[in-house]
Amino acid sequence: QVQLTESGGGLVQPGGSLRLSCVASSDLFKKFVMVWYRQGVGKERELVATIDPTGNGGVLDSVEGRFTISRDNAKNTVYLQMNDLKPEDTAVYFCNAPSVAWGQGIQVTVSS
């Protein structure tokens, strides 16, 4: 069973940056499409970014130019670089390998 473990969340001021990491417990990671989702309080979970095994990725329109998804298959890790964070980015962020596993989620809070 593949496990996904997120890290890198926390409290940041508006305009700040965070980099989320998600480490997979299996080398099968390099075959997975990986996805970052987020869910704010009282909101539905939304897809933020996806990346295929070769590193081609895309992000939600509302975070285009601020968020970047990347991966390091040698480290079984997917990243979400988040710059110029806004209060509306506050949410629990989850990494997901479709049909395989979910991470436990990590809180990102953007507040002054």
Protein backbone atom coordinates (compact mmCIF):
# COMPACT_ATOMS: atom_id res chain seq x y z
CA GLN A 1 0.00 0.00 0.00
CA VAL A 2 1.39 3.35 -1.05
CA GLN A 3 1.46 6.11 1.54
CA LEU A 4 1.71 9.81 0.81
CA THR A 5 3.08 12.23 3.40
CA GLU A 6 2.79 16.00 3.03
CA SER A 7 4.98 18.59 4.70
CA GLY A 8 5.82 22.26 4.42
CA GLY A 9 2.56 23.89 5.45
CA GLY A 10 2.07 26.52 8.11
CA LEU A 11 1.19 30.13 8.74
CA VAL A 12 2.43 32.78 6.34
CA GLN A 13 1.66 36.44 5.78
CA PRO A 14 -0.03 37.61 2.59
CA GLY A 15 2.53 37.88 -0.18
CA GLY A 16 4.67 35.17 1.36
CA SER A 17 5.72 31.81 0.00
CA LEU A 18 5.57 28.18 1.02
CA ARG A 19 6.69 24.99 -0.64
CA LEU A 20 4.64 21.89 0.03
CA SER A 21 6.23 18.48 -0.39
CA CYS A 22 4.56 15.11 -0.71
CA VAL A 23 6.68 12.00 -0.39
CA ALA A 24 5.47 8.63 -1.62
CA SER A 25 6.45 5.41 0.11
CA SER A 26 6.94 3.49 -3.13
CA ASP A 27 9.16 3.77 -6.19
CA LEU A 28 5.99 3.22 -8.21
CA PHE A 29 5.66 6.98 -7.68
CA LYS A 30 7.48 7.61 -10.95
CA LYS A 31 4.56 6.05 -12.82
CA PHE A 32 1.87 8.10 -11.09
CA VAL A 33 0.07 11.19 -12.18
CA MET A 34 0.11 13.34 -9.03
CA VAL A 35 -2.44 15.91 -7.99
CA TRP A 36 -2.66 18.62 -5.35
CA TYR A 37 -6.11 19.49 -4.00
CA ARG A 38 -7.19 21.96 -1.39
CA GLN A 39 -10.24 22.42 0.77
CA GLY A 40 -11.07 25.56 2.65
CA VAL A 41 -13.47 25.72 5.57
CA GLY A 42 -17.02 25.40 4.29
CA LYS A 43 -15.81 24.90 0.73
CA GLU A 44 -15.67 21.96 -1.61
CA ARG A 45 -12.36 20.29 -2.33
CA GLU A 46 -10.84 21.73 -5.49
CA LEU A 47 -8.08 20.55 -7.76
CA VAL A 48 -5.11 22.91 -7.64
CA ALA A 49 -2.43 21.31 -9.79
CA THR A 50 -1.56 18.14 -11.65
CA ILE A 51 1.64 16.68 -13.02
CA ASP A 52 2.21 13.63 -15.18
CA PRO A 53 5.06 11.15 -14.78
CA THR A 54 7.25 13.03 -17.25
CA GLY A 55 6.87 16.33 -15.43
CA ASN A 56 4.27 18.05 -17.56
CA GLY A 57 1.96 19.90 -15.25
CA GLY A 58 -0.74 22.49 -14.95
CA VAL A 59 -2.40 24.57 -12.27
CA LEU A 60 -5.80 26.03 -11.50
CA ASP A 61 -6.48 29.31 -13.32
CA SER A 62 -6.83 31.22 -10.06
CA VAL A 63 -3.30 30.31 -9.00
CA GLU A 64 -1.63 30.55 -12.41
CA GLY A 65 1.56 32.57 -12.17
CA ARG A 66 1.75 32.06 -8.39
CA PHE A 67 1.82 28.28 -7.90
CA THR A 68 4.07 25.78 -9.62
CA ILE A 69 3.93 22.01 -9.44
CA SER A 70 7.05 19.91 -9.93
CA ARG A 71 8.35 16.47 -9.08
CA ASP A 72 11.56 14.62 -8.37
CA ASN A 73 11.09 10.98 -9.30
CA ALA A 74 14.43 10.04 -7.75
CA LYS A 75 13.10 11.24 -4.40
CA ASN A 76 9.51 10.00 -4.87
CA THR A 77 8.41 13.56 -4.18
CA VAL A 78 6.00 16.05 -5.68
CA TYR A 79 6.18 19.73 -4.78
CA LEU A 80 3.81 22.66 -4.84
CA GLN A 81 5.64 25.98 -4.78
CA MET A 82 3.25 28.69 -3.69
CA ASN A 83 4.26 32.32 -4.07
CA ASP A 84 2.42 35.59 -3.45
CA LEU A 85 0.02 33.79 -1.18
CA LYS A 86 -3.37 35.34 -0.51
CA PRO A 87 -5.83 34.83 2.34
CA GLU A 88 -8.11 32.95 -0.05
CA ASP A 89 -5.38 30.33 -0.45
CA THR A 90 -5.98 29.30 3.14
CA ALA A 91 -7.00 25.65 3.11
CA VAL A 92 -5.97 22.13 3.90
CA TYR A 93 -3.87 20.90 1.01
CA PHE A 94 -3.87 17.26 0.00
CA CYS A 95 -1.68 15.33 -2.38
CA ASN A 96 -3.23 12.51 -4.32
CA ALA A 97 -2.16 9.71 -6.61
CA PRO A 98 -5.42 8.98 -8.45
CA SER A 99 -6.87 5.56 -7.64
CA VAL A 100 -3.86 4.84 -5.42
CA ALA A 101 -3.61 7.00 -2.33
CA TRP A 102 -4.32 10.29 -0.57
CA GLY A 103 -2.12 12.17 1.81
CA GLN A 104 -3.43 13.14 5.22
CA GLY A 105 -3.58 16.82 4.36
CA ILE A 106 -1.62 19.79 5.61
CA GLN A 107 -2.84 23.17 6.75
CA VAL A 108 -1.83 26.35 4.96
CA THR A 109 -2.97 29.57 6.59
CA VAL A 110 -2.39 32.94 4.98
CA SER A 111 -3.03 35.73 7.43
CA SER A 112 -1.49 38.90 8.77
